[in-house]
Amino acid sequence: MKNFVWNSKQGNRDRSAWCLLIQGDVVHVFSGENIPGVAVVKGESFHKDGKWSFTEYDLSLADNVRSVAGKKGWNNGSFLEGLAEAVSKETPRIWPEVAEALGVSVKSARVLLEGHWPSEAKQLDSVEEALEALDNAEYVRSAENPGEIDVFTISFGSPTNRSIAAGYWGDPVLVWLDGEIVGVLEPEDPKYGHGFRVTEGSERVALLREESSSGMHGGYRTLLIAAPVGSDLWHQKRP
């Protein structure tokens, strides 16, 4: 056995702390209780400090258990961003990258995120579906249909308080072509503008990547989108 001390103190911006105990290909989320065959809580102490209150745990871990501990990410408050910081890697964008960061199989990574961070699992699935759609649509790079699809980047953010009150973060990204809307991407979290997904035009438009960065009033969002050549992308309310 080996000793391990962990505390649940949150970070700035209300970034909650988490602790993973990994045994082989199984990932456990430590919740303050014994985990048979994995961890024993020898003692705990509560530190009272208002919103900064936390509990410190003195644990004994089985020799074959690895610990990965961190907090939600600084920029977008996600588990995956925090995981990247904890293991000194780039933020995972696809399931194999999540599995690599955790050191487990994709199957186990899915069980973890679907059970504890389902919105982030959905975003990974969305990216995977988009990549598969592009791969299956061979015309993207085929000689039969050269140049039909291009990759666009759109960035927006740092809205005024008035814009936020008017629903800025819930506004969609519209893909225009020849005066018509050919694709619509909407956020799953309209309050903070996270988790964009293609809700219309998925046969011609795909979301390849979503990134967040810090800034005033919620920061900035950057989307990498595959769409027909000649498209214009706007973050705006539907006309």
Protein backbone atom coordinates (compact mmCIF):
# COMPACT_ATOMS: atom_id res chain seq x y z
CA MET A 1 0.00 0.00 0.00
CA LYS A 2 0.97 3.62 -0.42
CA ASN A 3 -0.11 6.85 1.22
CA PHE A 4 -1.92 9.60 -0.65
CA VAL A 5 -3.32 12.93 0.54
CA TRP A 6 -5.92 14.86 -1.43
CA ASN A 7 -8.13 17.85 -0.66
CA SER A 8 -11.32 19.09 -2.27
CA LYS A 9 -10.47 22.80 -2.24
CA GLN A 10 -11.90 24.54 -5.30
CA GLY A 11 -9.96 26.95 -7.47
CA ASN A 12 -10.74 30.50 -8.53
CA ARG A 13 -13.82 30.90 -10.75
CA ASP A 14 -15.58 28.17 -8.74
CA ARG A 15 -13.51 25.46 -10.39
CA SER A 16 -14.38 22.33 -8.43
CA ALA A 17 -11.69 19.79 -7.60
CA TRP A 18 -11.77 16.14 -8.65
CA CYS A 19 -9.68 13.06 -7.97
CA LEU A 20 -9.45 9.94 -10.13
CA LEU A 21 -8.09 6.63 -8.86
CA ILE A 22 -7.13 4.37 -11.75
CA GLN A 23 -6.63 0.63 -11.32
CA GLY A 24 -5.77 -1.16 -14.52
CA ASP A 25 -8.40 -0.13 -17.03
CA VAL A 26 -10.96 0.99 -14.43
CA VAL A 27 -11.30 4.65 -13.45
CA HIS A 28 -12.88 5.50 -10.09
CA VAL A 29 -13.98 9.01 -9.14
CA PHE A 30 -13.11 9.48 -5.46
CA SER A 31 -16.09 10.85 -3.54
CA GLY A 32 -14.82 10.74 0.03
CA GLU A 33 -15.64 7.09 0.72
CA ASN A 34 -13.67 3.84 0.80
CA ILE A 35 -13.39 2.04 -2.53
CA PRO A 36 -12.99 -1.71 -1.86
CA GLY A 37 -9.72 -3.05 -3.20
CA VAL A 38 -8.67 0.43 -4.30
CA ALA A 39 -8.58 3.00 -1.49
CA VAL A 40 -9.16 3.29 2.25
CA VAL A 41 -9.90 6.61 3.94
CA LYS A 42 -7.73 6.58 7.08
CA GLY A 43 -8.82 10.03 8.18
CA GLU A 44 -10.27 13.31 7.06
CA SER A 45 -10.30 16.89 8.30
CA PHE A 46 -12.64 19.72 7.38
CA HIS A 47 -11.20 23.21 6.93
CA LYS A 48 -13.84 25.92 7.28
CA ASP A 49 -13.22 29.02 5.20
CA GLY A 50 -16.50 30.18 3.65
CA LYS A 51 -16.68 29.38 -0.06
CA TRP A 52 -13.10 28.15 0.17
CA SER A 53 -13.94 25.45 2.74
CA PHE A 54 -12.60 22.02 1.88
CA THR A 55 -11.97 18.53 3.23
CA GLU A 56 -8.54 16.94 3.29
CA TYR A 57 -8.38 13.15 3.00
CA ASP A 58 -5.59 10.87 4.20
CA LEU A 59 -5.77 7.73 2.03
CA SER A 60 -4.07 4.41 1.60
CA LEU A 61 -4.05 3.20 -2.00
CA ALA A 62 -3.41 -0.26 -3.37
CA ASP A 63 0.03 -0.49 -4.98
CA ASN A 64 -1.45 -0.88 -8.46
CA VAL A 65 -3.55 2.30 -8.23
CA ARG A 66 -2.62 5.56 -9.96
CA SER A 67 -4.03 8.91 -8.90
CA VAL A 68 -4.82 11.83 -11.20
CA ALA A 69 -6.15 14.92 -9.45
CA GLY A 70 -7.01 18.40 -10.66
CA LYS A 71 -9.66 21.06 -11.02
CA LYS A 72 -11.99 22.12 -13.80
CA GLY A 73 -10.21 24.09 -16.52
CA TRP A 74 -9.39 27.77 -16.22
CA ASN A 75 -10.72 28.91 -19.60
CA ASN A 76 -13.97 27.02 -20.07
CA GLY A 77 -14.46 25.22 -16.78
CA SER A 78 -14.41 21.78 -18.37
CA PHE A 79 -13.14 18.52 -16.95
CA LEU A 80 -11.14 17.82 -20.11
CA GLU A 81 -9.27 21.11 -19.89
CA GLY A 82 -8.48 20.37 -16.24
CA LEU A 83 -7.38 16.84 -17.14
CA ALA A 84 -4.95 18.25 -19.69
CA GLU A 85 -3.46 20.54 -17.05
CA ALA A 86 -3.18 17.66 -14.59
CA VAL A 87 -1.26 15.37 -16.98
CA SER A 88 0.62 18.14 -18.87
CA LYS A 89 -0.95 17.46 -22.26
CA GLU A 90 -3.00 19.39 -24.80
CA THR A 91 -6.74 19.44 -24.13
CA PRO A 92 -8.20 16.21 -25.60
CA ARG A 93 -10.55 16.80 -28.55
CA ILE A 94 -11.36 13.22 -29.55
CA TRP A 95 -11.94 10.02 -27.60
CA PRO A 96 -8.51 8.42 -28.29
CA GLU A 97 -6.84 11.54 -26.89
CA VAL A 98 -8.96 11.32 -23.73
CA ALA A 99 -8.02 7.66 -23.33
CA GLU A 100 -4.33 8.49 -23.81
CA ALA A 101 -4.46 11.27 -21.20
CA LEU A 102 -6.04 8.87 -18.70
CA GLY A 103 -3.89 5.90 -19.64
CA VAL A 104 -6.90 3.64 -20.20
CA SER A 105 -8.98 2.29 -23.08
CA VAL A 106 -11.47 4.39 -25.03
CA LYS A 107 -14.22 2.20 -23.55
CA SER A 108 -13.21 3.12 -19.99
CA ALA A 109 -12.82 6.78 -20.91
CA ARG A 110 -16.38 6.74 -22.25
CA VAL A 111 -17.73 5.14 -19.07
CA LEU A 112 -16.06 7.85 -16.99
CA LEU A 113 -17.26 10.87 -18.96
CA GLU A 114 -20.73 9.58 -19.76
CA GLY A 115 -21.25 8.89 -16.07
CA HIS A 116 -19.78 12.06 -14.58
CA TRP A 117 -19.38 14.68 -17.32
CA PRO A 118 -22.09 13.76 -19.88
CA SER A 119 -22.13 17.13 -21.69
CA GLU A 120 -18.44 16.76 -22.48
CA ALA A 121 -19.01 13.20 -23.66
CA LYS A 122 -21.69 14.52 -26.03
CA GLN A 123 -19.26 17.10 -27.40
CA LEU A 124 -16.67 14.39 -28.07
CA ASP A 125 -19.34 12.30 -29.80
CA SER A 126 -20.32 15.32 -31.88
CA VAL A 127 -16.72 15.80 -33.04
CA GLU A 128 -16.39 12.10 -33.79
CA GLU A 129 -19.60 12.11 -35.81
CA ALA A 130 -18.48 15.17 -37.74
CA LEU A 131 -15.10 13.64 -38.56
CA GLU A 132 -16.77 10.41 -39.64
CA ALA A 133 -19.17 12.35 -41.85
CA LEU A 134 -16.29 14.14 -43.52
CA ASP A 135 -14.36 10.91 -43.95
CA ASN A 136 -17.36 9.15 -45.45
CA ALA A 137 -18.08 12.02 -47.78
CA GLU A 138 -15.17 11.27 -50.04
CA TYR A 139 -16.02 14.22 -52.22
CA VAL A 140 -14.31 16.50 -49.72
CA ARG A 141 -10.96 15.69 -51.29
CA SER A 142 -11.87 13.52 -54.24
CA ALA A 143 -10.93 14.29 -57.81
CA GLU A 144 -14.60 14.03 -58.78
CA ASN A 145 -15.65 16.98 -56.66
CA PRO A 146 -12.56 19.11 -56.03
CA GLY A 147 -12.94 22.16 -53.84
CA GLU A 148 -16.59 21.66 -52.85
CA ILE A 149 -15.83 21.89 -49.13
CA ASP A 150 -13.60 24.36 -47.34
CA VAL A 151 -12.66 24.85 -43.69
CA PHE A 152 -13.64 28.12 -42.00
CA THR A 153 -12.82 29.67 -38.64
CA ILE A 154 -15.20 31.98 -36.79
CA SER A 155 -14.38 33.71 -33.50
CA PHE A 156 -16.69 35.77 -31.31
CA GLY A 157 -17.05 36.82 -27.69
CA SER A 158 -16.35 39.46 -25.05
CA PRO A 159 -19.91 40.82 -25.34
CA THR A 160 -21.30 43.84 -23.53
CA ASN A 161 -23.69 43.36 -20.61
CA ARG A 162 -26.52 44.59 -22.84
CA SER A 163 -25.68 41.96 -25.48
CA ILE A 164 -25.57 39.23 -22.83
CA ALA A 165 -28.98 40.30 -21.55
CA ALA A 166 -30.27 40.06 -25.13
CA GLY A 167 -29.15 36.42 -25.33
CA TYR A 168 -25.75 36.82 -26.99
CA TRP A 169 -24.35 33.47 -25.82
CA GLY A 170 -27.43 31.62 -27.00
CA ASP A 171 -27.25 33.01 -30.54
CA PRO A 172 -26.48 30.47 -33.27
CA VAL A 173 -23.74 30.48 -35.87
CA LEU A 174 -25.34 30.72 -39.30
CA VAL A 175 -23.69 29.45 -42.46
CA TRP A 176 -24.81 31.52 -45.46
CA LEU A 177 -24.33 30.62 -49.12
CA ASP A 178 -25.76 32.63 -52.03
CA GLY A 179 -28.14 34.47 -49.73
CA GLU A 180 -29.53 31.33 -48.07
CA ILE A 181 -28.85 29.66 -44.74
CA VAL A 182 -27.32 26.25 -45.47
CA GLY A 183 -26.24 25.39 -41.93
CA VAL A 184 -27.04 26.27 -38.34
CA LEU A 185 -24.92 25.56 -35.26
CA GLU A 186 -26.44 26.13 -31.82
CA PRO A 187 -24.94 25.88 -28.31
CA GLU A 188 -26.13 23.18 -25.94
CA ASP A 189 -25.46 25.64 -23.13
CA PRO A 190 -27.10 28.90 -24.27
CA LYS A 191 -26.27 30.66 -20.99
CA TYR A 192 -22.53 30.45 -21.56
CA GLY A 193 -22.27 29.56 -25.26
CA HIS A 194 -20.63 26.14 -24.94
CA GLY A 195 -21.17 22.87 -26.78
CA PHE A 196 -22.06 23.99 -30.31
CA ARG A 197 -23.67 21.34 -32.52
CA VAL A 198 -24.93 21.34 -36.08
CA THR A 199 -28.74 21.45 -35.83
CA GLU A 200 -29.49 22.11 -39.51
CA GLY A 201 -27.61 21.28 -42.70
CA SER A 202 -25.48 18.43 -41.34
CA GLU A 203 -25.21 16.96 -44.83
CA ARG A 204 -23.12 19.98 -45.91
CA VAL A 205 -21.77 21.46 -42.68
CA ALA A 206 -19.67 19.89 -39.91
CA LEU A 207 -18.16 21.22 -36.68
CA LEU A 208 -14.52 20.15 -36.49
CA ARG A 209 -13.42 21.88 -33.30
CA GLU A 210 -14.64 24.25 -30.58
CA GLU A 211 -12.26 26.23 -28.39
CA SER A 212 -12.69 28.77 -25.59
CA SER A 213 -10.29 31.41 -24.35
CA SER A 214 -10.41 33.84 -21.47
CA GLY A 215 -11.69 37.40 -21.78
CA MET A 216 -14.27 39.87 -20.56
CA HIS A 217 -17.86 38.71 -19.89
CA GLY A 218 -17.38 35.04 -20.73
CA GLY A 219 -14.33 35.25 -22.97
CA TYR A 220 -14.19 34.10 -26.57
CA ARG A 221 -15.31 31.11 -28.64
CA THR A 222 -13.61 29.87 -31.78
CA LEU A 223 -15.23 27.30 -34.06
CA LEU A 224 -13.55 25.40 -36.89
CA ILE A 225 -16.25 24.51 -39.40
CA ALA A 226 -16.31 22.57 -42.67
CA ALA A 227 -18.80 24.14 -45.10
CA PRO A 228 -19.34 24.66 -48.84
CA VAL A 229 -16.80 26.82 -50.63
CA GLY A 230 -17.90 30.46 -50.71
CA SER A 231 -19.85 30.30 -47.45
CA ASP A 232 -20.08 33.20 -45.01
CA LEU A 233 -20.29 32.49 -41.27
CA TRP A 234 -21.97 34.81 -38.79
CA HIS A 235 -22.72 34.57 -35.09
CA GLN A 236 -26.14 36.20 -35.07
CA LYS A 237 -29.81 35.76 -34.36
CA ARG A 238 -31.80 34.14 -37.12
CA PRO A 239 -33.47 36.71 -39.37
